[in-house]
């Protein structure tokens, strides 16, 4: 993997102040001694909240003041503005070339929504801020990378959201990211079927023959190494995973169950399709354990380390 000539910092946003986000951000900062390779680490948020979570030296903080002090486990809607501002500040700096990547701590979507935030989550807001045509969510672990084609929609609605165009567009974004951000010269993409046994030649559903196969053929015609549609119940064991670099799945649980089985503590959420690098830990705000000292920083550490590797791969 090429060595980056860029030594810009990696920015870690505060996330929901009442959750474990500031805690794992500070814990990761200390565990990594404030640096990953050539990249220093900077925390974006309220210095007093980070201090309350154990930060010894606030000189690493890019200040975004919260309205009220942190109360672990009790989100304060008045702090929503600061949570959103942290994301905006980090993205602004990274777009300007002042930072190498953004790592976001978890946000509490319900609290933000009550405060007028109109986006479904980080991914959609980042796409808006960066003017990206399409943002794609990848979950990455040491042994598996997965992308759900559809994300937070009811299972009953999944078939109507699957299209040839969406599969082709998403597949091309994944392949481009594997080359640019993961240093894989000739990426191999596996595509899951929607139905049991990938439809069993149309006897268990027609989405494969009508939509997924034509999309795969389009990707292959463009010179990409794409295989499928594969039966989801046999594509995630060790021998199968060795045959591809990432898997495009049709819905949320089809992708996330195998990923979280293999990498529950250190899985990383990566947003593909943006002009900037963004990763985050693959967990939520965990309000029930905030302030108890039980929060595990492994996923945040993995997110920071992956962001640094992606920045170095881009160079």
C-alpha atoms as a PDB file:
ATOM      1  CA  UNK A   1       0.000   0.000   0.000  1.00  0.00           C
ATOM      2  CA  UNK A   2       1.417   3.442  -0.903  1.00  0.00           C
ATOM      3  CA  UNK A   3       2.571   5.755   1.839  1.00  0.00           C
ATOM      4  CA  UNK A   4       0.547   8.932   2.067  1.00  0.00           C
ATOM      5  CA  UNK A   5       2.334  12.218   1.449  1.00  0.00           C
ATOM      6  CA  UNK A   6      -0.481  13.891   3.368  1.00  0.00           C
ATOM      7  CA  UNK A   7      -0.089  14.362   7.092  1.00  0.00           C
ATOM      8  CA  UNK A   8      -3.399  16.126   7.729  1.00  0.00           C
ATOM      9  CA  UNK A   9      -5.178  15.140  10.926  1.00  0.00           C
ATOM     10  CA  UNK A  10      -8.045  12.727  11.270  1.00  0.00           C
ATOM     11  CA  UNK A  11     -11.068  14.379  12.850  1.00  0.00           C
ATOM     12  CA  UNK A  12     -13.262  12.561  15.379  1.00  0.00           C
ATOM     13  CA  UNK A  13     -16.658  14.115  16.033  1.00  0.00           C
ATOM     14  CA  UNK A  14     -18.297  14.175  19.456  1.00  0.00           C
ATOM     15  CA  UNK A  15     -21.591  12.506  18.518  1.00  0.00           C
ATOM     16  CA  UNK A  16     -24.490  12.485  20.991  1.00  0.00           C
ATOM     17  CA  UNK A  17     -23.052  13.961  24.224  1.00  0.00           C
ATOM     18  CA  UNK A  18     -25.247  11.796  26.474  1.00  0.00           C
ATOM     19  CA  UNK A  19     -24.176   8.553  24.798  1.00  0.00           C
ATOM     20  CA  UNK A  20     -20.934   6.605  24.686  1.00  0.00           C
ATOM     21  CA  UNK A  21     -19.609   8.507  21.661  1.00  0.00           C
ATOM     22  CA  UNK A  22     -17.475  11.051  23.547  1.00  0.00           C
ATOM     23  CA  UNK A  23     -16.264   8.270  25.853  1.00  0.00           C
ATOM     24  CA  UNK A  24     -15.048   5.968  23.099  1.00  0.00           C
ATOM     25  CA  UNK A  25     -13.604   8.934  21.183  1.00  0.00           C
ATOM     26  CA  UNK A  26     -11.483   9.888  24.181  1.00  0.00           C
ATOM     27  CA  UNK A  27     -10.582   6.267  24.961  1.00  0.00           C
ATOM     28  CA  UNK A  28      -9.491   5.687  21.357  1.00  0.00           C
ATOM     29  CA  UNK A  29      -7.525   8.943  21.340  1.00  0.00           C
ATOM     30  CA  UNK A  30      -5.613   7.831  24.427  1.00  0.00           C
ATOM     31  CA  UNK A  31      -5.162   4.244  23.235  1.00  0.00           C
ATOM     32  CA  UNK A  32      -3.637   5.489  19.972  1.00  0.00           C
ATOM     33  CA  UNK A  33      -1.622   8.173  21.801  1.00  0.00           C
ATOM     34  CA  UNK A  34      -3.166  10.864  19.656  1.00  0.00           C
ATOM     35  CA  UNK A  35      -1.773   9.628  16.359  1.00  0.00           C
ATOM     36  CA  UNK A  36      -2.077   6.966  13.659  1.00  0.00           C
ATOM     37  CA  UNK A  37       0.972   6.867  11.418  1.00  0.00           C
ATOM     38  CA  UNK A  38       1.512  10.317   9.918  1.00  0.00           C
ATOM     39  CA  UNK A  39      -1.884  11.533  11.052  1.00  0.00           C
ATOM     40  CA  UNK A  40      -2.523  13.300  14.325  1.00  0.00           C
ATOM     41  CA  UNK A  41      -5.977  12.903  15.863  1.00  0.00           C
ATOM     42  CA  UNK A  42      -8.235  15.869  16.617  1.00  0.00           C
ATOM     43  CA  UNK A  43     -11.502  15.765  18.534  1.00  0.00           C
ATOM     44  CA  UNK A  44     -14.339  17.959  17.281  1.00  0.00           C
ATOM     45  CA  UNK A  45     -16.805  19.021  19.943  1.00  0.00           C
ATOM     46  CA  UNK A  46     -17.209  20.530  23.378  1.00  0.00           C
ATOM     47  CA  UNK A  47     -13.937  20.467  25.331  1.00  0.00           C
ATOM     48  CA  UNK A  48     -15.729  20.229  28.689  1.00  0.00           C
ATOM     49  CA  UNK A  49     -17.699  17.187  27.520  1.00  0.00           C
ATOM     50  CA  UNK A  50     -14.509  15.500  26.371  1.00  0.00           C
ATOM     51  CA  UNK A  51     -12.857  16.380  29.697  1.00  0.00           C
ATOM     52  CA  UNK A  52     -15.824  14.843  31.525  1.00  0.00           C
ATOM     53  CA  UNK A  53     -15.098  11.663  29.561  1.00  0.00           C
ATOM     54  CA  UNK A  54     -11.474  11.562  30.683  1.00  0.00           C
ATOM     55  CA  UNK A  55      -9.567  13.720  28.192  1.00  0.00           C
ATOM     56  CA  UNK A  56      -6.435  14.923  29.930  1.00  0.00           C
ATOM     57  CA  UNK A  57      -5.340  17.588  27.437  1.00  0.00           C
ATOM     58  CA  UNK A  58      -7.907  19.668  25.557  1.00  0.00           C
ATOM     59  CA  UNK A  59      -5.344  21.130  23.123  1.00  0.00           C
ATOM     60  CA  UNK A  60      -6.394  18.469  20.606  1.00  0.00           C
ATOM     61  CA  UNK A  61     -10.016  19.704  20.579  1.00  0.00           C
ATOM     62  CA  UNK A  62     -11.529  21.722  17.737  1.00  0.00           C
ATOM     63  CA  UNK A  63     -14.129  23.566  19.766  1.00  0.00           C
ATOM     64  CA  UNK A  64     -17.855  23.345  19.074  1.00  0.00           C
ATOM     65  CA  UNK A  65     -19.649  24.369  22.248  1.00  0.00           C
ATOM     66  CA  UNK A  66     -22.697  22.476  23.481  1.00  0.00           C
ATOM     67  CA  UNK A  67     -25.624  24.352  25.007  1.00  0.00           C
ATOM     68  CA  UNK A  68     -25.704  22.314  28.216  1.00  0.00           C
ATOM     69  CA  UNK A  69     -23.348  19.994  30.136  1.00  0.00           C
ATOM     70  CA  UNK A  70     -23.383  16.264  29.486  1.00  0.00           C
ATOM     71  CA  UNK A  71     -25.810  14.063  31.427  1.00  0.00           C
ATOM     72  CA  UNK A  72     -24.959  10.433  30.589  1.00  0.00           C
ATOM     73  CA  UNK A  73     -28.003   8.509  29.381  1.00  0.00           C
ATOM     74  CA  UNK A  74     -30.221  11.598  29.126  1.00  0.00           C
ATOM     75  CA  UNK A  75     -30.024  13.295  25.705  1.00  0.00           C
ATOM     76  CA  UNK A  76     -30.705  17.014  25.739  1.00  0.00           C
ATOM     77  CA  UNK A  77     -32.419  18.350  22.572  1.00  0.00           C
ATOM     78  CA  UNK A  78     -30.740  21.692  23.227  1.00  0.00           C
ATOM     79  CA  UNK A  79     -27.402  20.054  22.352  1.00  0.00           C
ATOM     80  CA  UNK A  80     -28.622  18.837  18.959  1.00  0.00           C
ATOM     81  CA  UNK A  81     -27.362  22.002  17.264  1.00  0.00           C
ATOM     82  CA  UNK A  82     -23.822  21.311  18.502  1.00  0.00           C
ATOM     83  CA  UNK A  83     -23.985  17.663  17.414  1.00  0.00           C
ATOM     84  CA  UNK A  84     -24.926  18.724  13.886  1.00  0.00           C
ATOM     85  CA  UNK A  85     -22.341  21.520  13.895  1.00  0.00           C
ATOM     86  CA  UNK A  86     -19.566  19.061  14.764  1.00  0.00           C
ATOM     87  CA  UNK A  87     -20.342  17.022  11.659  1.00  0.00           C
ATOM     88  CA  UNK A  88     -20.526  20.139   9.500  1.00  0.00           C
ATOM     89  CA  UNK A  89     -17.227  21.496  10.826  1.00  0.00           C
ATOM     90  CA  UNK A  90     -15.399  18.211  10.275  1.00  0.00           C
ATOM     91  CA  UNK A  91     -16.739  17.853   6.730  1.00  0.00           C
ATOM     92  CA  UNK A  92     -15.931  21.473   5.909  1.00  0.00           C
ATOM     93  CA  UNK A  93     -12.314  21.058   7.034  1.00  0.00           C
ATOM     94  CA  UNK A  94     -11.878  17.795   5.165  1.00  0.00           C
ATOM     95  CA  UNK A  95     -13.352  19.161   1.945  1.00  0.00           C
ATOM     96  CA  UNK A  96     -10.939  22.100   2.256  1.00  0.00           C
ATOM     97  CA  UNK A  97      -7.959  19.734   2.531  1.00  0.00           C
ATOM     98  CA  UNK A  98      -7.327  20.637   6.168  1.00  0.00           C
ATOM     99  CA  UNK A  99      -8.035  17.084   7.362  1.00  0.00           C
ATOM    100  CA  UNK A 100      -7.457  13.632   5.916  1.00  0.00           C
ATOM    101  CA  UNK A 101     -10.668  11.947   7.072  1.00  0.00           C
ATOM    102  CA  UNK A 102     -13.714  12.201   9.316  1.00  0.00           C
ATOM    103  CA  UNK A 103     -14.582   9.602  11.951  1.00  0.00           C
ATOM    104  CA  UNK A 104     -18.018  10.144  13.438  1.00  0.00           C
ATOM    105  CA  UNK A 105     -19.177   9.076  16.880  1.00  0.00           C
ATOM    106  CA  UNK A 106     -22.809   7.856  17.052  1.00  0.00           C
ATOM    107  CA  UNK A 107     -25.686  10.316  16.964  1.00  0.00           C
ATOM    108  CA  UNK A 108     -29.175   9.936  18.440  1.00  0.00           C
ATOM    109  CA  UNK A 109     -31.458  10.288  15.435  1.00  0.00           C
ATOM    110  CA  UNK A 110     -34.697  10.708  17.383  1.00  0.00           C
ATOM    111  CA  UNK A 111     -33.297  13.640  19.375  1.00  0.00           C
ATOM    112  CA  UNK A 112     -31.951  15.302  16.233  1.00  0.00           C
ATOM    113  CA  UNK A 113     -35.265  14.790  14.443  1.00  0.00           C
ATOM    114  CA  UNK A 114     -37.136  16.490  17.279  1.00  0.00           C
ATOM    115  CA  UNK A 115     -34.709  19.385  16.895  1.00  0.00           C
ATOM    116  CA  UNK A 116     -35.555  19.743  13.205  1.00  0.00           C
ATOM    117  CA  UNK A 117     -32.857  17.569  11.613  1.00  0.00           C
ATOM    118  CA  UNK A 118     -34.443  16.309   8.387  1.00  0.00           C
ATOM    119  CA  UNK A 119     -32.014  13.536   7.422  1.00  0.00           C
ATOM    120  CA  UNK A 120     -32.365   9.833   8.168  1.00  0.00           C
ATOM    121  CA  UNK A 121     -28.853   9.673   9.567  1.00  0.00           C
ATOM    122  CA  UNK A 122     -25.175  10.412   9.086  1.00  0.00           C
ATOM    123  CA  UNK A 123     -24.989   8.888   5.598  1.00  0.00           C
ATOM    124  CA  UNK A 124     -27.728  11.041   4.121  1.00  0.00           C
ATOM    125  CA  UNK A 125     -26.463  14.201   5.810  1.00  0.00           C
ATOM    126  CA  UNK A 126     -22.907  13.600   4.610  1.00  0.00           C
ATOM    127  CA  UNK A 127     -24.176  13.122   1.064  1.00  0.00           C
ATOM    128  CA  UNK A 128     -25.964  16.478   1.369  1.00  0.00           C
ATOM    129  CA  UNK A 129     -22.932  18.290   2.786  1.00  0.00           C
ATOM    130  CA  UNK A 130     -20.558  16.924   0.158  1.00  0.00           C
ATOM    131  CA  UNK A 131     -23.061  17.114  -2.735  1.00  0.00           C
ATOM    132  CA  UNK A 132     -22.476  13.422  -3.465  1.00  0.00           C
ATOM    133  CA  UNK A 133     -24.791  11.882  -6.054  1.00  0.00           C
ATOM    134  CA  UNK A 134     -25.177   8.646  -4.089  1.00  0.00           C
ATOM    135  CA  UNK A 135     -23.750   7.649  -0.709  1.00  0.00           C
ATOM    136  CA  UNK A 136     -23.322   3.952  -0.033  1.00  0.00           C
ATOM    137  CA  UNK A 137     -22.979   2.299   3.381  1.00  0.00           C
ATOM    138  CA  UNK A 138     -20.297  -0.355   3.716  1.00  0.00           C
ATOM    139  CA  UNK A 139     -19.682  -2.351   6.884  1.00  0.00           C
ATOM    140  CA  UNK A 140     -16.114  -3.620   7.098  1.00  0.00           C
ATOM    141  CA  UNK A 141     -14.404  -6.132   9.348  1.00  0.00           C
ATOM    142  CA  UNK A 142     -11.081  -7.911   9.158  1.00  0.00           C
ATOM    143  CA  UNK A 143     -12.579 -10.825   7.195  1.00  0.00           C
ATOM    144  CA  UNK A 144     -15.600  -9.362   5.415  1.00  0.00           C
ATOM    145  CA  UNK A 145     -16.872  -6.213   3.686  1.00  0.00           C
ATOM    146  CA  UNK A 146     -20.604  -5.923   2.998  1.00  0.00           C
ATOM    147  CA  UNK A 147     -22.895  -3.336   1.429  1.00  0.00           C
ATOM    148  CA  UNK A 148     -26.692  -3.470   1.800  1.00  0.00           C
ATOM    149  CA  UNK A 149     -28.441  -2.200  -1.344  1.00  0.00           C
ATOM    150  CA  UNK A 150     -31.445  -1.152   0.729  1.00  0.00           C
ATOM    151  CA  UNK A 151     -30.977  -0.051   4.307  1.00  0.00           C
ATOM    152  CA  UNK A 152     -33.532   1.171   6.829  1.00  0.00           C
ATOM    153  CA  UNK A 153     -36.793   0.164   5.194  1.00  0.00           C
ATOM    154  CA  UNK A 154     -39.313  -2.550   6.108  1.00  0.00           C
ATOM    155  CA  UNK A 155     -38.509  -5.994   4.731  1.00  0.00           C
ATOM    156  CA  UNK A 156     -41.884  -5.996   2.959  1.00  0.00           C
ATOM    157  CA  UNK A 157     -40.758  -2.967   0.927  1.00  0.00           C
ATOM    158  CA  UNK A 158     -37.376  -4.351  -0.138  1.00  0.00           C
ATOM    159  CA  UNK A 159     -38.414  -5.937  -3.481  1.00  0.00           C
ATOM    160  CA  UNK A 160     -39.889  -2.673  -4.757  1.00  0.00           C
ATOM    161  CA  UNK A 161     -36.633  -0.847  -4.002  1.00  0.00           C
ATOM    162  CA  UNK A 162     -34.413  -3.243  -5.945  1.00  0.00           C
ATOM    163  CA  UNK A 163     -33.645  -2.153  -9.506  1.00  0.00           C
ATOM    164  CA  UNK A 164     -31.088  -2.919 -12.173  1.00  0.00           C
ATOM    165  CA  UNK A 165     -29.927   0.712 -12.092  1.00  0.00           C
ATOM    166  CA  UNK A 166     -29.432   0.734  -8.317  1.00  0.00           C
ATOM    167  CA  UNK A 167     -27.414  -2.496  -8.382  1.00  0.00           C
ATOM    168  CA  UNK A 168     -25.194  -1.281 -11.228  1.00  0.00           C
ATOM    169  CA  UNK A 169     -24.617   2.150  -9.685  1.00  0.00           C
ATOM    170  CA  UNK A 170     -23.923   0.741  -6.238  1.00  0.00           C
ATOM    171  CA  UNK A 171     -21.675  -1.976  -7.646  1.00  0.00           C
ATOM    172  CA  UNK A 172     -19.575   0.591  -9.493  1.00  0.00           C
ATOM    173  CA  UNK A 173     -19.222   2.734  -6.363  1.00  0.00           C
ATOM    174  CA  UNK A 174     -18.062  -0.315  -4.386  1.00  0.00           C
ATOM    175  CA  UNK A 175     -15.547  -1.350  -7.044  1.00  0.00           C
ATOM    176  CA  UNK A 176     -14.154   2.188  -7.332  1.00  0.00           C
ATOM    177  CA  UNK A 177     -13.753   2.387  -3.540  1.00  0.00           C
ATOM    178  CA  UNK A 178     -12.026  -0.994  -3.356  1.00  0.00           C
ATOM    179  CA  UNK A 179      -9.472   0.290  -5.853  1.00  0.00           C
ATOM    180  CA  UNK A 180      -9.005   3.810  -4.497  1.00  0.00           C
ATOM    181  CA  UNK A 181      -9.468   3.369  -0.752  1.00  0.00           C
ATOM    182  CA  UNK A 182      -8.518  -0.250  -0.097  1.00  0.00           C
ATOM    183  CA  UNK A 183      -5.672  -0.626  -2.595  1.00  0.00           C
ATOM    184  CA  UNK A 184      -7.197  -3.609  -4.422  1.00  0.00           C
ATOM    185  CA  UNK A 185      -6.096  -3.414  -8.063  1.00  0.00           C
ATOM    186  CA  UNK A 186      -8.626  -5.916  -9.399  1.00  0.00           C
ATOM    187  CA  UNK A 187     -11.627  -5.997  -7.066  1.00  0.00           C
ATOM    188  CA  UNK A 188     -13.928  -9.013  -6.953  1.00  0.00           C
ATOM    189  CA  UNK A 189     -17.556  -8.273  -6.118  1.00  0.00           C
ATOM    190  CA  UNK A 190     -20.080 -10.886  -5.005  1.00  0.00           C
ATOM    191  CA  UNK A 191     -23.788 -10.130  -5.372  1.00  0.00           C
ATOM    192  CA  UNK A 192     -26.374 -11.879  -3.224  1.00  0.00           C
ATOM    193  CA  UNK A 193     -29.769 -12.985  -4.455  1.00  0.00           C
ATOM    194  CA  UNK A 194     -32.891 -11.742  -2.763  1.00  0.00           C
ATOM    195  CA  UNK A 195     -34.788 -15.011  -2.410  1.00  0.00           C
ATOM    196  CA  UNK A 196     -33.839 -18.379  -0.873  1.00  0.00           C
ATOM    197  CA  UNK A 197     -31.357 -20.248  -3.079  1.00  0.00           C
ATOM    198  CA  UNK A 198     -31.077 -17.061  -5.192  1.00  0.00           C
ATOM    199  CA  UNK A 199     -34.541 -17.739  -6.560  1.00  0.00           C
ATOM    200  CA  UNK A 200     -33.863 -21.339  -7.666  1.00  0.00           C
ATOM    201  CA  UNK A 201     -34.209 -20.449 -11.375  1.00  0.00           C
ATOM    202  CA  UNK A 202     -37.397 -18.508 -10.778  1.00  0.00           C
ATOM    203  CA  UNK A 203     -39.211 -21.098  -8.686  1.00  0.00           C
ATOM    204  CA  UNK A 204     -38.712 -19.128  -5.439  1.00  0.00           C
ATOM    205  CA  UNK A 205     -38.974 -15.613  -6.823  1.00  0.00           C
ATOM    206  CA  UNK A 206     -38.253 -13.750 -10.034  1.00  0.00           C
ATOM    207  CA  UNK A 207     -36.158 -10.787  -8.840  1.00  0.00           C
ATOM    208  CA  UNK A 208     -32.957 -12.651  -9.645  1.00  0.00           C
ATOM    209  CA  UNK A 209     -33.807 -13.433 -13.263  1.00  0.00           C
ATOM    210  CA  UNK A 210     -35.622 -10.171 -13.955  1.00  0.00           C
ATOM    211  CA  UNK A 211     -33.369  -7.675 -12.160  1.00  0.00           C
ATOM    212  CA  UNK A 212     -30.236  -8.997 -10.466  1.00  0.00           C
ATOM    213  CA  UNK A 213     -28.822 -11.139 -13.282  1.00  0.00           C
ATOM    214  CA  UNK A 214     -29.195  -8.366 -15.903  1.00  0.00           C
ATOM    215  CA  UNK A 215     -27.478  -5.930 -13.510  1.00  0.00           C
ATOM    216  CA  UNK A 216     -24.572  -8.333 -13.000  1.00  0.00           C
ATOM    217  CA  UNK A 217     -24.284  -8.815 -16.759  1.00  0.00           C
ATOM    218  CA  UNK A 218     -24.119  -5.032 -17.197  1.00  0.00           C
ATOM    219  CA  UNK A 219     -21.310  -4.777 -14.652  1.00  0.00           C
ATOM    220  CA  UNK A 220     -19.419  -7.619 -16.304  1.00  0.00           C
ATOM    221  CA  UNK A 221     -19.832  -5.959 -19.707  1.00  0.00           C
ATOM    222  CA  UNK A 222     -18.031  -2.955 -18.230  1.00  0.00           C
ATOM    223  CA  UNK A 223     -15.068  -5.175 -17.396  1.00  0.00           C
ATOM    224  CA  UNK A 224     -15.746  -5.755 -13.701  1.00  0.00           C
ATOM    225  CA  UNK A 225     -15.208  -9.061 -11.894  1.00  0.00           C
ATOM    226  CA  UNK A 226     -18.694  -9.702 -10.517  1.00  0.00           C
ATOM    227  CA  UNK A 227     -20.201 -13.031  -9.508  1.00  0.00           C
ATOM    228  CA  UNK A 228     -23.733 -13.973  -8.564  1.00  0.00           C
ATOM    229  CA  UNK A 229     -26.489 -13.917  -7.746  1.00  0.00           C
ATOM    230  CA  UNK A 230     -25.335 -16.095  -4.875  1.00  0.00           C
ATOM    231  CA  UNK A 231     -27.469 -17.820  -2.292  1.00  0.00           C
ATOM    232  CA  UNK A 232     -27.061 -15.795   0.890  1.00  0.00           C
ATOM    233  CA  UNK A 233     -26.994 -18.884   3.101  1.00  0.00           C
ATOM    234  CA  UNK A 234     -23.788 -20.206   1.510  1.00  0.00           C
ATOM    235  CA  UNK A 235     -21.776 -17.102   0.603  1.00  0.00           C
ATOM    236  CA  UNK A 236     -20.384 -16.110   3.988  1.00  0.00           C
ATOM    237  CA  UNK A 237     -18.409 -19.136   5.198  1.00  0.00           C
ATOM    238  CA  UNK A 238     -14.622 -18.865   5.113  1.00  0.00           C
ATOM    239  CA  UNK A 239     -14.040 -20.627   1.789  1.00  0.00           C
ATOM    240  CA  UNK A 240     -16.736 -18.556   0.074  1.00  0.00           C
ATOM    241  CA  UNK A 241     -15.416 -15.263   1.481  1.00  0.00           C
ATOM    242  CA  UNK A 242     -12.003 -16.015   0.011  1.00  0.00           C
ATOM    243  CA  UNK A 243     -13.526 -15.686  -3.465  1.00  0.00           C
ATOM    244  CA  UNK A 244     -14.473 -11.993  -3.247  1.00  0.00           C
ATOM    245  CA  UNK A 245     -13.390  -8.647  -1.782  1.00  0.00           C
ATOM    246  CA  UNK A 246     -16.835  -7.281  -0.966  1.00  0.00           C
ATOM    247  CA  UNK A 247     -20.421  -8.507  -1.019  1.00  0.00           C
ATOM    248  CA  UNK A 248     -23.388  -6.508  -2.270  1.00  0.00           C
ATOM    249  CA  UNK A 249     -26.485  -7.685  -0.426  1.00  0.00           C
ATOM    250  CA  UNK A 250     -30.107  -6.864  -1.117  1.00  0.00           C
ATOM    251  CA  UNK A 251     -31.239  -5.741   2.353  1.00  0.00           C
ATOM    252  CA  UNK A 252     -30.036  -4.669   5.774  1.00  0.00           C
ATOM    253  CA  UNK A 253     -30.016  -7.907   7.767  1.00  0.00           C
ATOM    254  CA  UNK A 254     -28.729 -10.004   4.865  1.00  0.00           C
ATOM    255  CA  UNK A 255     -25.544  -7.916   5.033  1.00  0.00           C
ATOM    256  CA  UNK A 256     -25.256  -7.047   8.701  1.00  0.00           C
ATOM    257  CA  UNK A 257     -25.951 -10.409  10.331  1.00  0.00           C
ATOM    258  CA  UNK A 258     -22.819 -12.078   8.899  1.00  0.00           C
ATOM    259  CA  UNK A 259     -20.718  -8.950   9.432  1.00  0.00           C
ATOM    260  CA  UNK A 260     -21.732  -8.563  13.064  1.00  0.00           C
ATOM    261  CA  UNK A 261     -21.312 -12.279  13.664  1.00  0.00           C
ATOM    262  CA  UNK A 262     -17.712 -12.077  12.475  1.00  0.00           C
ATOM    263  CA  UNK A 263     -16.819  -8.578  13.721  1.00  0.00           C
ATOM    264  CA  UNK A 264     -19.266  -7.551  16.421  1.00  0.00           C
ATOM    265  CA  UNK A 265     -16.742  -5.573  18.467  1.00  0.00           C
ATOM    266  CA  UNK A 266     -14.571  -4.088  15.749  1.00  0.00           C
ATOM    267  CA  UNK A 267     -16.779  -3.645  12.688  1.00  0.00           C
ATOM    268  CA  UNK A 268     -16.528  -0.280  10.940  1.00  0.00           C
ATOM    269  CA  UNK A 269     -19.154   1.707   9.043  1.00  0.00           C
ATOM    270  CA  UNK A 270     -17.640   3.277   5.906  1.00  0.00           C
ATOM    271  CA  UNK A 271     -19.478   5.715   3.654  1.00  0.00           C
ATOM    272  CA  UNK A 272     -18.583   5.162   0.002  1.00  0.00           C
ATOM    273  CA  UNK A 273     -19.324   7.539  -2.850  1.00  0.00           C
ATOM    274  CA  UNK A 274     -18.250  10.711  -1.015  1.00  0.00           C
ATOM    275  CA  UNK A 275     -15.388  13.011  -2.038  1.00  0.00           C
ATOM    276  CA  UNK A 276     -14.050  12.626   1.517  1.00  0.00           C
ATOM    277  CA  UNK A 277     -13.216   9.644   3.711  1.00  0.00           C
ATOM    278  CA  UNK A 278     -15.720   8.931   6.460  1.00  0.00           C
ATOM    279  CA  UNK A 279     -15.804   6.014   8.878  1.00  0.00           C
ATOM    280  CA  UNK A 280     -17.575   5.379  12.153  1.00  0.00           C
ATOM    281  CA  UNK A 281     -17.854   2.672  14.798  1.00  0.00           C
ATOM    282  CA  UNK A 282     -20.535   0.106  14.030  1.00  0.00           C
ATOM    283  CA  UNK A 283     -22.648   0.736  17.138  1.00  0.00           C
ATOM    284  CA  UNK A 284     -25.105   3.259  18.444  1.00  0.00           C
ATOM    285  CA  UNK A 285     -25.212   5.703  21.331  1.00  0.00           C
ATOM    286  CA  UNK A 286     -25.688   2.948  23.960  1.00  0.00           C
ATOM    287  CA  UNK A 287     -27.421   5.325  26.371  1.00  0.00           C
ATOM    288  CA  UNK A 288     -27.978   2.496  28.833  1.00  0.00           C
ATOM    289  CA  UNK A 289     -24.259   2.151  29.581  1.00  0.00           C
ATOM    290  CA  UNK A 290     -23.134   5.753  29.054  1.00  0.00           C
ATOM    291  CA  UNK A 291     -21.155   6.998  32.023  1.00  0.00           C
ATOM    292  CA  UNK A 292     -20.742   3.526  33.537  1.00  0.00           C
ATOM    293  CA  UNK A 293     -17.265   2.832  32.196  1.00  0.00           C
ATOM    294  CA  UNK A 294     -18.515  -0.210  30.268  1.00  0.00           C
ATOM    295  CA  UNK A 295     -18.211   1.268  26.764  1.00  0.00           C
ATOM    296  CA  UNK A 296     -15.782  -0.624  24.526  1.00  0.00           C
ATOM    297  CA  UNK A 297     -13.631   1.515  22.234  1.00  0.00           C
ATOM    298  CA  UNK A 298     -12.530  -1.305  19.901  1.00  0.00           C
ATOM    299  CA  UNK A 299     -14.876  -0.307  17.087  1.00  0.00           C
ATOM    300  CA  UNK A 300     -13.881   3.362  17.349  1.00  0.00           C
ATOM    301  CA  UNK A 301     -10.194   2.421  17.281  1.00  0.00           C
ATOM    302  CA  UNK A 302     -10.825   0.235  14.230  1.00  0.00           C
ATOM    303  CA  UNK A 303     -12.711   3.100  12.548  1.00  0.00           C
ATOM    304  CA  UNK A 304      -9.827   5.510  13.126  1.00  0.00           C
ATOM    305  CA  UNK A 305      -7.221   3.027  11.929  1.00  0.00           C
ATOM    306  CA  UNK A 306      -9.235   2.216   8.795  1.00  0.00           C
ATOM    307  CA  UNK A 307      -9.698   5.932   8.043  1.00  0.00           C
ATOM    308  CA  UNK A 308      -5.917   6.359   8.218  1.00  0.00           C
ATOM    309  CA  UNK A 309      -5.341   3.402   5.890  1.00  0.00           C
ATOM    310  CA  UNK A 310      -7.873   4.761   3.405  1.00  0.00           C
ATOM    311  CA  UNK A 311      -6.239   8.211   3.525  1.00  0.00           C
ATOM    312  CA  UNK A 312      -2.848   6.625   2.876  1.00  0.00           C
ATOM    313  CA  UNK A 313      -4.254   4.586   0.002  1.00  0.00           C
ATOM    314  CA  UNK A 314      -5.601   7.730  -1.638  1.00  0.00           C
ATOM    315  CA  UNK A 315      -2.297   9.526  -1.070  1.00  0.00           C
END
